[in-house]
């Protein structure tokens, strides 16, 4: 299992999914938890720079898959991915270009890097620069790449009261994805620290990857 964390507090780092990885280990799962770089360590800057950063970060995800698959006893046909927020966005891109993952759980992700970069970091850019940013990122955006995710199976998890992702944007992201796919919504905000969501993705991954049955904790 490959885990990629969110951009936020608490645990906006590779510790976010540590407890879930430990729980899955009791079902015979080997997990690798990624530490993100962009935009965690460096903020969005401009179209050319950020396009390169997104590509480089996606390459890092794929190299993490290389490392995971090199571990003794890992079944190459039963690889899963869990990502939240930006972690979900990089998962969506990876799904479009790398066919080694069988099942993806994408939590509170959005289809476009431009939406967050321009709203939260680069809002002062001139309109022409904003449009150039959108054009530069569109070919590699999650919503563009997720259309090519098949044959991987996808589970989207969204919060009903997400303060960052409108329902329409969530539905558009889901609708763009290839099949097979499923969407679930939960009461909560963007951090989606909801027990039902954790339980659902563990049960879903158990089915999709044919994991051994485990205890609740």
N, C-alpha and C. Protein backbone atom coordinates (compact mmCIF):
# COMPACT_ATOMS: atom_id res chain seq x y z
N UNK A 1 0.84 -1.18 0.00
CA UNK A 1 0.00 0.00 0.00
C UNK A 1 0.87 1.23 0.00
N UNK A 2 0.51 2.19 -0.84
CA UNK A 2 1.21 3.45 -0.90
C UNK A 2 0.28 4.53 -0.35
N UNK A 3 0.76 5.33 0.62
CA UNK A 3 -0.03 6.39 1.23
C UNK A 3 0.61 7.74 0.94
N UNK A 4 -0.23 8.73 0.59
CA UNK A 4 0.26 10.09 0.35
C UNK A 4 -0.66 11.06 1.08
N UNK A 5 -0.07 11.86 1.95
CA UNK A 5 -0.79 12.71 2.91
C UNK A 5 -1.38 13.98 2.29
N UNK A 6 -2.08 14.71 3.14
CA UNK A 6 -2.74 15.94 2.72
C UNK A 6 -1.88 17.17 3.03
N UNK A 7 -2.37 18.35 2.58
CA UNK A 7 -1.75 19.63 2.91
C UNK A 7 -2.65 20.27 3.96
N UNK A 8 -2.29 20.17 5.21
CA UNK A 8 -3.12 20.74 6.25
C UNK A 8 -2.62 20.35 7.62
N UNK A 9 -3.39 20.70 8.64
CA UNK A 9 -3.07 20.37 10.02
C UNK A 9 -4.27 19.69 10.64
N UNK A 10 -4.05 18.70 11.51
CA UNK A 10 -2.74 18.15 11.90
C UNK A 10 -2.25 17.12 10.88
N UNK A 11 -1.02 16.70 11.06
CA UNK A 11 -0.44 15.59 10.28
C UNK A 11 -0.44 15.84 8.78
N UNK A 12 0.00 17.02 8.39
CA UNK A 12 0.16 17.27 6.96
C UNK A 12 1.50 16.74 6.49
N UNK A 13 1.76 15.50 6.83
CA UNK A 13 3.04 14.85 6.51
C UNK A 13 2.83 13.35 6.46
N UNK A 14 3.92 12.61 6.31
CA UNK A 14 3.82 11.16 6.11
C UNK A 14 3.27 10.42 7.32
N UNK A 15 3.10 11.11 8.46
CA UNK A 15 2.52 10.46 9.64
C UNK A 15 1.00 10.33 9.54
N UNK A 16 0.37 11.03 8.60
CA UNK A 16 -1.09 11.08 8.58
C UNK A 16 -1.73 9.70 8.58
N UNK A 17 -1.22 8.81 7.76
CA UNK A 17 -1.85 7.50 7.60
C UNK A 17 -1.11 6.39 8.35
N UNK A 18 -0.25 6.78 9.29
CA UNK A 18 0.56 5.77 9.98
C UNK A 18 -0.31 4.75 10.70
N UNK A 19 -1.34 5.20 11.40
CA UNK A 19 -2.20 4.26 12.12
C UNK A 19 -2.92 3.31 11.18
N UNK A 20 -3.34 3.83 10.02
CA UNK A 20 -4.02 2.97 9.06
C UNK A 20 -3.05 1.95 8.46
N UNK A 21 -1.82 2.37 8.24
CA UNK A 21 -0.82 1.44 7.71
C UNK A 21 -0.53 0.33 8.72
N UNK A 22 -0.46 0.70 10.00
CA UNK A 22 -0.23 -0.31 11.04
C UNK A 22 -1.39 -1.30 11.09
N UNK A 23 -2.61 -0.78 11.00
CA UNK A 23 -3.78 -1.66 11.00
C UNK A 23 -3.77 -2.62 9.82
N UNK A 24 -3.43 -2.11 8.64
CA UNK A 24 -3.38 -2.96 7.46
C UNK A 24 -2.24 -3.97 7.52
N UNK A 25 -1.18 -3.63 8.26
CA UNK A 25 -0.08 -4.58 8.43
C UNK A 25 -0.55 -5.86 9.10
N UNK A 26 -1.56 -5.73 9.96
CA UNK A 26 -2.13 -6.90 10.63
C UNK A 26 -2.88 -7.79 9.66
N UNK A 27 -3.14 -7.28 8.46
CA UNK A 27 -3.78 -8.06 7.40
C UNK A 27 -2.76 -8.52 6.36
N UNK A 28 -1.49 -8.40 6.71
CA UNK A 28 -0.44 -8.89 5.82
C UNK A 28 0.02 -7.89 4.78
N UNK A 29 -0.24 -6.59 5.01
CA UNK A 29 0.07 -5.56 4.02
C UNK A 29 1.39 -4.86 4.33
N UNK A 30 2.19 -4.64 3.32
CA UNK A 30 3.39 -3.81 3.41
C UNK A 30 3.04 -2.42 2.91
N UNK A 31 3.38 -1.38 3.68
CA UNK A 31 3.01 -0.01 3.30
C UNK A 31 4.23 0.89 3.23
N UNK A 32 4.13 1.88 2.35
CA UNK A 32 5.13 2.93 2.22
C UNK A 32 4.40 4.26 2.30
N UNK A 33 4.87 5.16 3.16
CA UNK A 33 4.23 6.45 3.37
C UNK A 33 5.12 7.54 2.80
N UNK A 34 4.59 8.29 1.83
CA UNK A 34 5.35 9.31 1.10
C UNK A 34 5.37 10.62 1.88
N UNK A 35 6.48 11.36 1.78
CA UNK A 35 6.55 12.75 2.26
C UNK A 35 6.56 13.67 1.05
N UNK A 36 5.55 14.53 0.94
CA UNK A 36 5.42 15.39 -0.23
C UNK A 36 6.35 16.59 -0.21
N UNK A 37 6.65 17.11 -1.39
CA UNK A 37 7.52 18.28 -1.54
C UNK A 37 6.76 19.50 -2.07
N UNK A 38 6.03 19.35 -3.17
CA UNK A 38 5.29 20.47 -3.73
C UNK A 38 3.80 20.24 -3.60
N UNK A 39 3.08 21.14 -2.88
CA UNK A 39 3.49 22.46 -2.40
C UNK A 39 3.85 22.51 -0.91
N UNK A 40 4.15 21.39 -0.30
CA UNK A 40 4.43 21.38 1.14
C UNK A 40 5.70 22.16 1.48
N UNK A 41 6.76 21.91 0.77
CA UNK A 41 8.06 22.53 1.08
C UNK A 41 8.28 23.83 0.32
N UNK A 42 7.72 23.94 -0.88
CA UNK A 42 7.84 25.15 -1.68
C UNK A 42 6.46 25.55 -2.20
N UNK A 43 6.09 26.82 -2.14
CA UNK A 43 4.76 27.24 -2.57
C UNK A 43 4.69 27.38 -4.09
N UNK A 44 3.47 27.38 -4.65
CA UNK A 44 3.31 27.66 -6.08
C UNK A 44 3.96 28.98 -6.46
N UNK A 45 4.52 29.02 -7.68
CA UNK A 45 5.28 30.19 -8.10
C UNK A 45 4.78 30.77 -9.43
N UNK A 46 4.84 29.96 -10.48
CA UNK A 46 4.41 30.41 -11.80
C UNK A 46 4.13 29.18 -12.66
N UNK A 47 3.59 29.41 -13.84
CA UNK A 47 3.13 28.31 -14.69
C UNK A 47 4.24 27.33 -15.04
N UNK A 48 5.35 27.84 -15.55
CA UNK A 48 6.44 26.96 -15.99
C UNK A 48 7.04 26.19 -14.83
N UNK A 49 7.31 26.88 -13.73
CA UNK A 49 7.92 26.24 -12.56
C UNK A 49 7.01 25.18 -11.97
N UNK A 50 5.74 25.50 -11.81
CA UNK A 50 4.82 24.57 -11.15
C UNK A 50 4.48 23.37 -12.02
N UNK A 51 4.42 23.58 -13.31
CA UNK A 51 4.23 22.42 -14.20
C UNK A 51 5.37 21.42 -14.01
N UNK A 52 6.59 21.92 -13.97
CA UNK A 52 7.75 21.05 -13.77
C UNK A 52 7.71 20.38 -12.40
N UNK A 53 7.28 21.13 -11.38
CA UNK A 53 7.21 20.57 -10.03
C UNK A 53 6.18 19.46 -9.93
N UNK A 54 5.02 19.64 -10.56
CA UNK A 54 3.99 18.60 -10.55
C UNK A 54 4.51 17.34 -11.24
N UNK A 55 5.16 17.51 -12.37
CA UNK A 55 5.72 16.36 -13.07
C UNK A 55 6.77 15.65 -12.21
N UNK A 56 7.65 16.44 -11.59
CA UNK A 56 8.69 15.85 -10.75
C UNK A 56 8.10 15.11 -9.55
N UNK A 57 7.06 15.70 -8.94
CA UNK A 57 6.44 15.04 -7.78
C UNK A 57 5.76 13.74 -8.20
N UNK A 58 5.16 13.71 -9.37
CA UNK A 58 4.55 12.48 -9.87
C UNK A 58 5.62 11.42 -10.13
N UNK A 59 6.76 11.84 -10.64
CA UNK A 59 7.87 10.90 -10.82
C UNK A 59 8.29 10.32 -9.47
N UNK A 60 8.30 11.16 -8.43
CA UNK A 60 8.65 10.67 -7.09
C UNK A 60 7.66 9.61 -6.61
N UNK A 61 6.37 9.82 -6.90
CA UNK A 61 5.36 8.80 -6.55
C UNK A 61 5.67 7.48 -7.26
N UNK A 62 6.02 7.55 -8.51
CA UNK A 62 6.33 6.35 -9.27
C UNK A 62 7.61 5.67 -8.76
N UNK A 63 8.58 6.47 -8.32
CA UNK A 63 9.79 5.90 -7.73
C UNK A 63 9.46 5.24 -6.39
N UNK A 64 8.50 5.82 -5.66
CA UNK A 64 8.05 5.18 -4.42
C UNK A 64 7.42 3.83 -4.72
N UNK A 65 6.67 3.75 -5.82
CA UNK A 65 6.12 2.46 -6.24
C UNK A 65 7.23 1.47 -6.56
N UNK A 66 8.27 1.95 -7.22
CA UNK A 66 9.42 1.08 -7.49
C UNK A 66 9.97 0.49 -6.20
N UNK A 67 10.14 1.36 -5.20
CA UNK A 67 10.69 0.91 -3.92
C UNK A 67 9.75 -0.08 -3.23
N UNK A 68 8.46 0.23 -3.24
CA UNK A 68 7.49 -0.67 -2.61
C UNK A 68 7.51 -2.04 -3.27
N UNK A 69 7.52 -2.06 -4.59
CA UNK A 69 7.49 -3.32 -5.32
C UNK A 69 8.78 -4.11 -5.18
N UNK A 70 9.85 -3.46 -4.75
CA UNK A 70 11.12 -4.17 -4.58
C UNK A 70 11.21 -4.89 -3.23
N UNK A 71 10.23 -4.67 -2.35
CA UNK A 71 10.30 -5.28 -1.03
C UNK A 71 9.92 -6.76 -1.09
N UNK A 72 10.59 -7.58 -0.27
CA UNK A 72 10.31 -9.02 -0.27
C UNK A 72 8.85 -9.32 0.07
N UNK A 73 8.26 -10.20 -0.68
CA UNK A 73 6.91 -10.67 -0.38
C UNK A 73 5.78 -9.79 -0.90
N UNK A 74 6.11 -8.66 -1.53
CA UNK A 74 5.05 -7.79 -2.06
C UNK A 74 4.48 -8.39 -3.33
N UNK A 75 3.15 -8.51 -3.37
CA UNK A 75 2.46 -9.06 -4.53
C UNK A 75 2.21 -7.93 -5.54
N UNK A 76 2.86 -7.99 -6.67
CA UNK A 76 2.77 -6.93 -7.67
C UNK A 76 1.36 -6.76 -8.23
N UNK A 77 0.52 -7.76 -8.08
CA UNK A 77 -0.83 -7.70 -8.61
C UNK A 77 -1.84 -7.15 -7.60
N UNK A 78 -1.37 -6.82 -6.39
CA UNK A 78 -2.29 -6.35 -5.36
C UNK A 78 -1.73 -5.10 -4.67
N UNK A 79 -1.55 -4.06 -5.47
CA UNK A 79 -1.03 -2.80 -4.96
C UNK A 79 -2.17 -1.80 -4.81
N UNK A 80 -2.21 -1.13 -3.67
CA UNK A 80 -3.22 -0.10 -3.42
C UNK A 80 -2.59 1.25 -3.15
N UNK A 81 -3.39 2.29 -3.29
CA UNK A 81 -2.94 3.66 -3.07
C UNK A 81 -4.03 4.41 -2.32
N UNK A 82 -3.62 5.15 -1.29
CA UNK A 82 -4.54 6.00 -0.54
C UNK A 82 -3.94 7.40 -0.49
N UNK A 83 -4.67 8.41 -0.97
CA UNK A 83 -4.19 9.78 -0.96
C UNK A 83 -5.28 10.74 -0.55
N UNK A 84 -4.89 11.77 0.18
CA UNK A 84 -5.83 12.77 0.67
C UNK A 84 -5.41 14.14 0.16
N UNK A 85 -6.39 14.94 -0.35
CA UNK A 85 -6.11 16.31 -0.73
C UNK A 85 -5.08 16.30 -1.88
N UNK A 86 -3.95 16.95 -1.73
CA UNK A 86 -2.92 16.89 -2.78
C UNK A 86 -2.45 15.45 -3.00
N UNK A 87 -2.44 14.66 -1.95
CA UNK A 87 -2.07 13.25 -2.11
C UNK A 87 -3.01 12.52 -3.04
N UNK A 88 -4.30 12.89 -2.99
CA UNK A 88 -5.29 12.30 -3.91
C UNK A 88 -5.05 12.81 -5.34
N UNK A 89 -4.68 14.08 -5.47
CA UNK A 89 -4.46 14.64 -6.80
C UNK A 89 -3.27 13.98 -7.49
N UNK A 90 -2.19 13.77 -6.75
CA UNK A 90 -1.05 13.07 -7.33
C UNK A 90 -1.38 11.61 -7.61
N UNK A 91 -2.25 11.04 -6.80
CA UNK A 91 -2.70 9.68 -7.09
C UNK A 91 -3.47 9.60 -8.39
N UNK A 92 -4.31 10.59 -8.64
CA UNK A 92 -5.09 10.62 -9.87
C UNK A 92 -4.19 10.72 -11.10
N UNK A 93 -3.15 11.56 -11.00
CA UNK A 93 -2.21 11.67 -12.12
C UNK A 93 -1.46 10.36 -12.32
N UNK A 94 -1.00 9.78 -11.24
CA UNK A 94 -0.29 8.50 -11.32
C UNK A 94 -1.16 7.43 -11.96
N UNK A 95 -2.44 7.43 -11.60
CA UNK A 95 -3.36 6.44 -12.17
C UNK A 95 -3.44 6.55 -13.69
N UNK A 96 -3.27 7.75 -14.20
CA UNK A 96 -3.35 7.95 -15.64
C UNK A 96 -2.12 7.53 -16.41
N UNK A 97 -0.98 7.43 -15.72
CA UNK A 97 0.28 7.18 -16.44
C UNK A 97 1.00 5.91 -16.00
N UNK A 98 0.54 5.28 -14.92
CA UNK A 98 1.24 4.11 -14.38
C UNK A 98 0.19 3.06 -14.01
N UNK A 99 0.30 1.87 -14.57
CA UNK A 99 -0.74 0.86 -14.43
C UNK A 99 -0.43 -0.21 -13.39
N UNK A 100 0.47 0.09 -12.47
CA UNK A 100 0.85 -0.93 -11.49
C UNK A 100 -0.05 -0.98 -10.26
N UNK A 101 -0.84 0.05 -10.03
CA UNK A 101 -1.73 0.08 -8.87
C UNK A 101 -3.10 -0.46 -9.26
N UNK A 102 -3.62 -1.36 -8.44
CA UNK A 102 -4.91 -1.99 -8.73
C UNK A 102 -6.09 -1.18 -8.19
N UNK A 103 -5.91 -0.53 -7.03
CA UNK A 103 -7.04 0.15 -6.38
C UNK A 103 -6.58 1.46 -5.75
N UNK A 104 -7.30 2.52 -6.05
CA UNK A 104 -7.00 3.84 -5.51
C UNK A 104 -8.14 4.34 -4.63
N UNK A 105 -7.78 4.88 -3.45
CA UNK A 105 -8.73 5.63 -2.63
C UNK A 105 -8.29 7.09 -2.69
N UNK A 106 -9.15 7.94 -3.23
CA UNK A 106 -8.84 9.35 -3.43
C UNK A 106 -9.76 10.17 -2.53
N UNK A 107 -9.16 10.79 -1.51
CA UNK A 107 -9.92 11.45 -0.44
C UNK A 107 -9.85 12.96 -0.62
N UNK A 108 -11.00 13.60 -0.77
CA UNK A 108 -11.09 15.07 -0.82
C UNK A 108 -10.06 15.67 -1.78
N UNK A 109 -10.01 15.12 -2.97
CA UNK A 109 -9.14 15.67 -4.01
C UNK A 109 -9.93 16.56 -4.94
N UNK A 110 -9.23 17.33 -5.75
CA UNK A 110 -9.87 18.21 -6.71
C UNK A 110 -9.18 18.03 -8.06
N UNK A 111 -9.87 18.39 -9.12
CA UNK A 111 -9.37 18.05 -10.45
C UNK A 111 -8.31 18.95 -11.02
N UNK A 112 -8.09 20.13 -10.43
CA UNK A 112 -7.18 21.10 -11.03
C UNK A 112 -6.22 21.71 -10.01
N UNK A 113 -4.94 21.70 -10.31
CA UNK A 113 -3.97 22.40 -9.46
C UNK A 113 -4.21 23.90 -9.50
N UNK A 114 -4.68 24.40 -10.62
CA UNK A 114 -4.89 25.84 -10.75
C UNK A 114 -5.88 26.37 -9.73
N UNK A 115 -6.92 25.59 -9.43
CA UNK A 115 -7.93 26.05 -8.49
C UNK A 115 -7.31 26.44 -7.16
N UNK A 116 -6.45 25.58 -6.62
CA UNK A 116 -5.86 25.87 -5.32
C UNK A 116 -4.69 26.85 -5.43
N UNK A 117 -3.85 26.70 -6.43
CA UNK A 117 -2.71 27.60 -6.57
C UNK A 117 -3.15 29.05 -6.73
N UNK A 118 -4.14 29.27 -7.59
CA UNK A 118 -4.56 30.63 -7.89
C UNK A 118 -5.45 31.22 -6.80
N UNK A 119 -6.15 30.39 -6.07
CA UNK A 119 -7.04 30.89 -5.02
C UNK A 119 -6.30 31.17 -3.71
N UNK A 120 -5.27 30.39 -3.43
CA UNK A 120 -4.65 30.47 -2.10
C UNK A 120 -3.22 31.02 -2.11
N UNK A 121 -2.55 31.03 -3.24
CA UNK A 121 -1.18 31.51 -3.28
C UNK A 121 -0.97 32.64 -4.30
N UNK A 122 -1.56 32.51 -5.46
CA UNK A 122 -1.25 33.39 -6.57
C UNK A 122 -2.43 34.26 -6.97
N UNK A 123 -3.26 34.60 -6.01
CA UNK A 123 -4.47 35.36 -6.32
C UNK A 123 -4.17 36.76 -6.85
N UNK A 124 -2.96 37.28 -6.58
CA UNK A 124 -2.61 38.63 -7.03
C UNK A 124 -2.08 38.67 -8.46
N UNK A 125 -1.92 37.52 -9.10
CA UNK A 125 -1.44 37.51 -10.49
C UNK A 125 -2.41 38.22 -11.43
N UNK A 126 -1.90 38.86 -12.47
CA UNK A 126 -2.79 39.43 -13.50
C UNK A 126 -3.61 38.32 -14.17
N UNK A 127 -4.74 38.71 -14.72
CA UNK A 127 -5.64 37.74 -15.34
C UNK A 127 -4.96 36.95 -16.45
N UNK A 128 -4.11 37.61 -17.23
CA UNK A 128 -3.42 36.91 -18.32
C UNK A 128 -2.48 35.83 -17.79
N UNK A 129 -1.81 36.11 -16.68
CA UNK A 129 -0.91 35.13 -16.07
C UNK A 129 -1.69 33.96 -15.47
N UNK A 130 -2.85 34.27 -14.92
CA UNK A 130 -3.69 33.20 -14.38
C UNK A 130 -4.15 32.26 -15.49
N UNK A 131 -4.54 32.83 -16.60
CA UNK A 131 -4.97 31.99 -17.72
C UNK A 131 -3.81 31.16 -18.26
N UNK A 132 -2.63 31.75 -18.31
CA UNK A 132 -1.45 31.01 -18.75
C UNK A 132 -1.15 29.86 -17.79
N UNK A 133 -1.36 30.09 -16.52
CA UNK A 133 -1.15 29.04 -15.50
C UNK A 133 -2.12 27.88 -15.75
N UNK A 134 -3.38 28.19 -15.96
CA UNK A 134 -4.38 27.14 -16.21
C UNK A 134 -4.04 26.34 -17.46
N UNK A 135 -3.63 27.02 -18.52
CA UNK A 135 -3.28 26.33 -19.77
C UNK A 135 -2.08 25.40 -19.57
N UNK A 136 -1.10 25.87 -18.83
CA UNK A 136 0.12 25.08 -18.63
C UNK A 136 -0.13 23.83 -17.81
N UNK A 137 -1.01 23.93 -16.82
CA UNK A 137 -1.25 22.79 -15.93
C UNK A 137 -2.33 21.83 -16.43
N UNK A 138 -3.21 22.31 -17.31
CA UNK A 138 -4.35 21.49 -17.73
C UNK A 138 -3.97 20.12 -18.28
N UNK A 139 -2.95 19.99 -19.14
CA UNK A 139 -2.65 18.65 -19.69
C UNK A 139 -2.21 17.63 -18.65
N UNK A 140 -1.72 18.10 -17.51
CA UNK A 140 -1.26 17.16 -16.47
C UNK A 140 -2.14 17.21 -15.23
N UNK A 141 -3.24 17.95 -15.29
CA UNK A 141 -4.14 18.06 -14.14
C UNK A 141 -4.75 16.70 -13.79
N UNK A 142 -5.11 16.50 -12.52
CA UNK A 142 -5.75 15.24 -12.11
C UNK A 142 -7.00 14.91 -12.92
N UNK A 143 -7.83 15.91 -13.22
CA UNK A 143 -9.08 15.63 -13.93
C UNK A 143 -8.82 15.20 -15.36
N UNK A 144 -7.68 15.58 -15.90
CA UNK A 144 -7.29 15.15 -17.25
C UNK A 144 -6.76 13.73 -17.24
N UNK A 145 -5.93 13.41 -16.27
CA UNK A 145 -5.28 12.10 -16.22
C UNK A 145 -6.18 11.00 -15.68
N UNK A 146 -7.13 11.35 -14.81
CA UNK A 146 -7.98 10.32 -14.19
C UNK A 146 -8.87 9.62 -15.21
N UNK A 147 -9.05 10.24 -16.37
CA UNK A 147 -9.84 9.59 -17.42
C UNK A 147 -9.16 8.32 -17.94
N UNK A 148 -7.85 8.18 -17.69
CA UNK A 148 -7.07 7.04 -18.19
C UNK A 148 -6.68 6.07 -17.06
N UNK A 149 -7.41 6.13 -15.94
CA UNK A 149 -7.02 5.32 -14.77
C UNK A 149 -7.26 3.83 -14.96
N UNK A 150 -8.22 3.45 -15.78
CA UNK A 150 -8.54 2.05 -15.97
C UNK A 150 -7.32 1.24 -16.41
N UNK A 151 -7.25 -0.02 -16.01
CA UNK A 151 -8.29 -0.82 -15.35
C UNK A 151 -8.32 -0.70 -13.83
N UNK A 152 -7.57 0.24 -13.24
CA UNK A 152 -7.59 0.40 -11.79
C UNK A 152 -9.00 0.73 -11.31
N UNK A 153 -9.33 0.27 -10.11
CA UNK A 153 -10.61 0.57 -9.48
C UNK A 153 -10.44 1.78 -8.57
N UNK A 154 -11.43 2.68 -8.57
CA UNK A 154 -11.32 3.95 -7.86
C UNK A 154 -12.42 4.10 -6.82
N UNK A 155 -12.04 4.55 -5.62
CA UNK A 155 -13.01 4.96 -4.60
C UNK A 155 -12.74 6.41 -4.26
N UNK A 156 -13.73 7.27 -4.51
CA UNK A 156 -13.64 8.68 -4.15
C UNK A 156 -14.38 8.91 -2.84
N UNK A 157 -13.75 9.62 -1.92
CA UNK A 157 -14.38 9.98 -0.65
C UNK A 157 -14.37 11.49 -0.51
N UNK A 158 -15.57 12.06 -0.26
CA UNK A 158 -15.71 13.51 -0.12
C UNK A 158 -16.48 13.85 1.15
N UNK A 159 -16.27 15.08 1.63
CA UNK A 159 -16.97 15.58 2.82
C UNK A 159 -18.14 16.45 2.39
N UNK A 160 -19.26 16.30 3.07
CA UNK A 160 -20.45 17.08 2.73
C UNK A 160 -20.28 18.57 3.04
N UNK A 161 -19.43 18.90 4.02
CA UNK A 161 -19.24 20.30 4.41
C UNK A 161 -17.83 20.77 4.12
N UNK A 162 -17.26 20.28 3.02
CA UNK A 162 -15.90 20.66 2.65
C UNK A 162 -15.84 22.15 2.35
N UNK A 163 -14.97 22.86 3.09
CA UNK A 163 -14.87 24.30 2.92
C UNK A 163 -14.01 24.71 1.73
N UNK A 164 -13.35 23.74 1.09
CA UNK A 164 -12.47 24.04 -0.03
C UNK A 164 -12.97 23.49 -1.36
N UNK A 165 -13.76 22.44 -1.33
CA UNK A 165 -14.20 21.78 -2.56
C UNK A 165 -15.73 21.85 -2.66
N UNK A 166 -16.21 22.55 -3.66
CA UNK A 166 -17.65 22.61 -3.88
C UNK A 166 -18.14 21.26 -4.40
N UNK A 167 -19.40 20.97 -4.11
CA UNK A 167 -19.98 19.70 -4.52
C UNK A 167 -19.88 19.51 -6.03
N UNK A 168 -20.07 20.58 -6.78
CA UNK A 168 -20.00 20.49 -8.24
C UNK A 168 -18.61 20.08 -8.71
N UNK A 169 -17.58 20.61 -8.05
CA UNK A 169 -16.21 20.27 -8.42
C UNK A 169 -15.91 18.81 -8.09
N UNK A 170 -16.42 18.34 -6.96
CA UNK A 170 -16.23 16.94 -6.58
C UNK A 170 -16.89 16.01 -7.59
N UNK A 171 -18.12 16.34 -7.97
CA UNK A 171 -18.85 15.51 -8.93
C UNK A 171 -18.16 15.51 -10.29
N UNK A 172 -17.65 16.68 -10.71
CA UNK A 172 -16.95 16.76 -12.00
C UNK A 172 -15.70 15.89 -12.00
N UNK A 173 -14.98 15.88 -10.91
CA UNK A 173 -13.78 15.04 -10.78
C UNK A 173 -14.16 13.57 -10.88
N UNK A 174 -15.20 13.19 -10.15
CA UNK A 174 -15.66 11.80 -10.19
C UNK A 174 -16.16 11.42 -11.58
N UNK A 175 -16.95 12.28 -12.18
CA UNK A 175 -17.53 11.98 -13.50
C UNK A 175 -16.45 11.80 -14.56
N UNK A 176 -15.34 12.52 -14.42
CA UNK A 176 -14.27 12.43 -15.42
C UNK A 176 -13.50 11.12 -15.33
N UNK A 177 -13.57 10.46 -14.20
CA UNK A 177 -12.76 9.26 -13.96
C UNK A 177 -13.25 8.07 -14.78
N UNK A 178 -12.31 7.23 -15.16
CA UNK A 178 -12.66 5.99 -15.85
C UNK A 178 -13.32 5.01 -14.88
N UNK A 179 -13.98 4.02 -15.41
CA UNK A 179 -14.59 2.98 -14.60
C UNK A 179 -13.64 1.79 -14.48
N UNK A 180 -13.82 0.97 -13.42
CA UNK A 180 -14.83 1.00 -12.36
C UNK A 180 -14.51 2.04 -11.28
N UNK A 181 -15.58 2.62 -10.72
CA UNK A 181 -15.39 3.67 -9.73
C UNK A 181 -16.60 3.72 -8.80
N UNK A 182 -16.37 4.34 -7.65
CA UNK A 182 -17.43 4.49 -6.65
C UNK A 182 -17.18 5.79 -5.90
N UNK A 183 -18.26 6.43 -5.46
CA UNK A 183 -18.14 7.67 -4.69
C UNK A 183 -18.92 7.54 -3.39
N UNK A 184 -18.33 8.08 -2.31
CA UNK A 184 -19.00 8.10 -1.02
C UNK A 184 -18.81 9.46 -0.39
N UNK A 185 -19.85 9.93 0.29
CA UNK A 185 -19.81 11.23 0.96
C UNK A 185 -20.08 11.03 2.44
N UNK A 186 -19.48 11.93 3.24
CA UNK A 186 -19.56 11.81 4.70
C UNK A 186 -19.81 13.17 5.33
N UNK A 187 -20.46 13.16 6.48
CA UNK A 187 -20.61 14.39 7.24
C UNK A 187 -19.24 14.77 7.80
N UNK A 188 -18.80 15.99 7.52
CA UNK A 188 -17.49 16.42 7.97
C UNK A 188 -16.94 17.49 7.05
N UNK A 189 -15.75 17.99 7.41
CA UNK A 189 -15.09 19.02 6.62
C UNK A 189 -13.93 18.41 5.83
N UNK A 190 -13.11 19.29 5.26
CA UNK A 190 -12.09 18.85 4.32
C UNK A 190 -11.10 17.84 4.90
N UNK A 191 -10.78 17.98 6.18
CA UNK A 191 -9.83 17.03 6.79
C UNK A 191 -10.38 15.62 6.86
N UNK A 192 -11.70 15.48 6.82
CA UNK A 192 -12.40 14.19 6.77
C UNK A 192 -11.86 13.19 7.80
N UNK A 193 -11.70 13.68 9.02
CA UNK A 193 -11.30 12.80 10.12
C UNK A 193 -12.56 12.12 10.65
N UNK A 194 -13.08 11.20 9.87
CA UNK A 194 -14.36 10.56 10.15
C UNK A 194 -14.14 9.05 10.21
N UNK A 195 -14.55 8.45 11.29
CA UNK A 195 -14.33 7.02 11.47
C UNK A 195 -14.99 6.20 10.36
N UNK A 196 -16.19 6.62 9.94
CA UNK A 196 -16.88 5.87 8.89
C UNK A 196 -16.07 5.85 7.60
N UNK A 197 -15.39 6.96 7.29
CA UNK A 197 -14.58 7.02 6.07
C UNK A 197 -13.37 6.09 6.18
N UNK A 198 -12.74 6.06 7.34
CA UNK A 198 -11.60 5.15 7.55
C UNK A 198 -12.05 3.70 7.45
N UNK A 199 -13.18 3.40 8.08
CA UNK A 199 -13.69 2.02 8.04
C UNK A 199 -14.06 1.60 6.62
N UNK A 200 -14.68 2.53 5.88
CA UNK A 200 -15.11 2.20 4.52
C UNK A 200 -13.92 1.92 3.61
N UNK A 201 -12.88 2.76 3.70
CA UNK A 201 -11.74 2.51 2.79
C UNK A 201 -10.97 1.25 3.18
N UNK A 202 -10.91 0.94 4.46
CA UNK A 202 -10.23 -0.29 4.85
C UNK A 202 -11.02 -1.50 4.34
N UNK A 203 -12.35 -1.47 4.50
CA UNK A 203 -13.17 -2.59 4.02
C UNK A 203 -13.09 -2.69 2.50
N UNK A 204 -13.11 -1.54 1.81
CA UNK A 204 -13.04 -1.54 0.35
C UNK A 204 -11.71 -2.09 -0.14
N UNK A 205 -10.62 -1.66 0.47
CA UNK A 205 -9.30 -2.16 0.09
C UNK A 205 -9.17 -3.64 0.39
N UNK A 206 -9.76 -4.08 1.49
CA UNK A 206 -9.73 -5.51 1.83
C UNK A 206 -10.38 -6.34 0.74
N UNK A 207 -11.49 -5.82 0.20
CA UNK A 207 -12.18 -6.54 -0.88
C UNK A 207 -11.40 -6.46 -2.18
N UNK A 208 -10.99 -5.27 -2.55
CA UNK A 208 -10.34 -5.07 -3.84
C UNK A 208 -9.02 -5.80 -3.96
N UNK A 209 -8.26 -5.85 -2.86
CA UNK A 209 -6.93 -6.44 -2.88
C UNK A 209 -6.91 -7.84 -2.26
N UNK A 210 -8.09 -8.33 -1.90
CA UNK A 210 -8.23 -9.68 -1.33
C UNK A 210 -7.29 -9.85 -0.13
N UNK A 211 -7.39 -8.92 0.81
CA UNK A 211 -6.56 -8.98 2.00
C UNK A 211 -7.15 -9.93 3.03
N UNK A 212 -6.32 -10.39 3.92
CA UNK A 212 -6.82 -11.20 5.02
C UNK A 212 -7.72 -10.33 5.91
N UNK A 213 -8.69 -10.94 6.52
CA UNK A 213 -9.58 -10.21 7.41
C UNK A 213 -8.80 -9.78 8.64
N UNK A 214 -9.07 -8.55 9.10
CA UNK A 214 -8.36 -8.05 10.27
C UNK A 214 -9.32 -7.61 11.34
N UNK A 215 -8.77 -7.27 12.51
CA UNK A 215 -9.59 -6.73 13.58
C UNK A 215 -9.88 -5.27 13.27
N UNK A 216 -10.81 -4.67 13.99
CA UNK A 216 -11.23 -3.29 13.71
C UNK A 216 -10.08 -2.31 13.93
N UNK A 217 -9.25 -2.53 14.95
CA UNK A 217 -8.16 -1.61 15.26
C UNK A 217 -6.81 -2.20 14.88
